[in-house]
Amino acid sequence: MRTELVTTLKRQATELLSDLERDREPILITQHGLPSAYLVDVGSFERMQKRMSVLEGIARGEMAVAEGRVATHAQAKERLSRWLK
């Protein structure tokens, strides 16, 4: 992964954005020698958001099972049939 100083971002933003669009590789921005931010292209960011949403849904489902908040097939079918009327 490429690392750039925040001053490079300030001075060469257009070039960094072009590189980002071309390479689709995140760029770590550092400030005072410490990680400060990541620059990622729009497509990669949107894919990460979708993946995160799916993973959060899975985690909620696993939590529901662990807490015993489950329904039998017949119960689920009954609940869904009320919504589909």
Protein backbone atom coordinates (compact mmCIF):
# COMPACT_ATOMS: atom_id res chain seq x y z
CA MET A 1 0.00 0.00 0.00
CA ARG A 2 1.23 3.43 -0.89
CA THR A 3 1.82 5.99 1.87
CA GLU A 4 1.88 9.74 1.34
CA LEU A 5 2.32 12.76 3.56
CA VAL A 6 -0.60 15.11 4.10
CA THR A 7 1.53 17.85 2.51
CA THR A 8 1.76 15.73 -0.64
CA LEU A 9 -2.02 15.48 -0.63
CA LYS A 10 -2.28 19.24 -0.34
CA ARG A 11 0.20 19.90 -3.14
CA GLN A 12 -0.63 17.05 -5.53
CA ALA A 13 -4.28 16.20 -4.90
CA THR A 14 -5.17 15.97 -8.59
CA GLU A 15 -2.26 13.62 -9.31
CA LEU A 16 -3.04 11.43 -6.30
CA LEU A 17 -6.69 11.18 -7.33
CA SER A 18 -5.65 10.21 -10.87
CA ASP A 19 -3.34 7.52 -9.48
CA LEU A 20 -6.12 6.30 -7.22
CA GLU A 21 -8.58 6.05 -10.10
CA ARG A 22 -6.05 4.24 -12.26
CA ASP A 23 -4.56 1.83 -9.70
CA ARG A 24 -7.59 1.31 -7.42
CA GLU A 25 -5.14 0.92 -4.53
CA PRO A 26 -5.81 2.77 -1.26
CA ILE A 27 -3.36 5.48 -0.24
CA LEU A 28 -2.51 5.93 3.44
CA ILE A 29 -2.15 9.60 4.38
CA THR A 30 0.12 10.38 7.31
CA GLN A 31 0.29 13.53 9.39
CA HIS A 32 3.19 14.17 11.77
CA GLY A 33 4.40 10.63 11.05
CA LEU A 34 1.14 9.00 12.13
CA PRO A 35 -1.62 7.42 10.02
CA SER A 36 -4.36 9.98 9.51
CA ALA A 37 -6.65 8.80 6.72
CA TYR A 38 -7.05 6.49 3.76
CA LEU A 39 -7.91 7.63 0.27
CA VAL A 40 -9.91 5.04 -1.64
CA ASP A 41 -11.64 5.18 -5.00
CA VAL A 42 -15.42 5.49 -5.05
CA GLY A 43 -16.06 1.99 -6.39
CA SER A 44 -13.95 0.34 -3.71
CA PHE A 45 -15.58 2.41 -0.99
CA GLU A 46 -19.09 1.51 -2.17
CA ARG A 47 -18.18 -2.21 -2.29
CA MET A 48 -16.79 -1.99 1.25
CA GLN A 49 -20.03 -0.35 2.44
CA LYS A 50 -22.14 -3.11 0.86
CA ARG A 51 -19.93 -5.81 2.37
CA MET A 52 -20.14 -4.15 5.78
CA SER A 53 -23.93 -4.06 5.53
CA VAL A 54 -24.07 -7.78 4.74
CA LEU A 55 -21.67 -8.61 7.59
CA GLU A 56 -23.73 -6.50 10.03
CA GLY A 57 -26.86 -8.40 8.98
CA ILE A 58 -25.11 -11.72 9.56
CA ALA A 59 -23.91 -10.54 12.99
CA ARG A 60 -27.46 -9.48 13.94
CA GLY A 61 -28.76 -12.89 12.85
CA GLU A 62 -26.11 -14.72 14.84
CA MET A 63 -26.94 -12.58 17.90
CA ALA A 64 -30.64 -13.37 17.52
CA VAL A 65 -29.89 -17.10 17.38
CA ALA A 66 -27.60 -16.85 20.43
CA GLU A 67 -30.36 -15.02 22.34
CA GLY A 68 -32.95 -17.57 21.31
CA ARG A 69 -34.92 -15.11 19.17
CA VAL A 70 -35.75 -17.65 16.47
CA ALA A 71 -38.90 -18.91 14.76
CA THR A 72 -39.85 -22.27 13.39
CA HIS A 73 -40.49 -22.64 9.69
CA ALA A 74 -44.24 -22.70 10.32
CA GLN A 75 -44.07 -19.52 12.44
CA ALA A 76 -42.02 -17.71 9.82
CA LYS A 77 -44.40 -18.84 7.06
CA GLU A 78 -47.38 -17.54 9.06
CA ARG A 79 -45.74 -14.16 9.68
CA LEU A 80 -44.79 -13.77 6.04
CA SER A 81 -48.24 -14.76 4.84
CA ARG A 82 -49.72 -11.85 6.82
CA TRP A 83 -47.35 -9.42 5.07
CA LEU A 84 -48.06 -10.81 1.62
CA LYS A 85 -51.86 -10.53 1.80
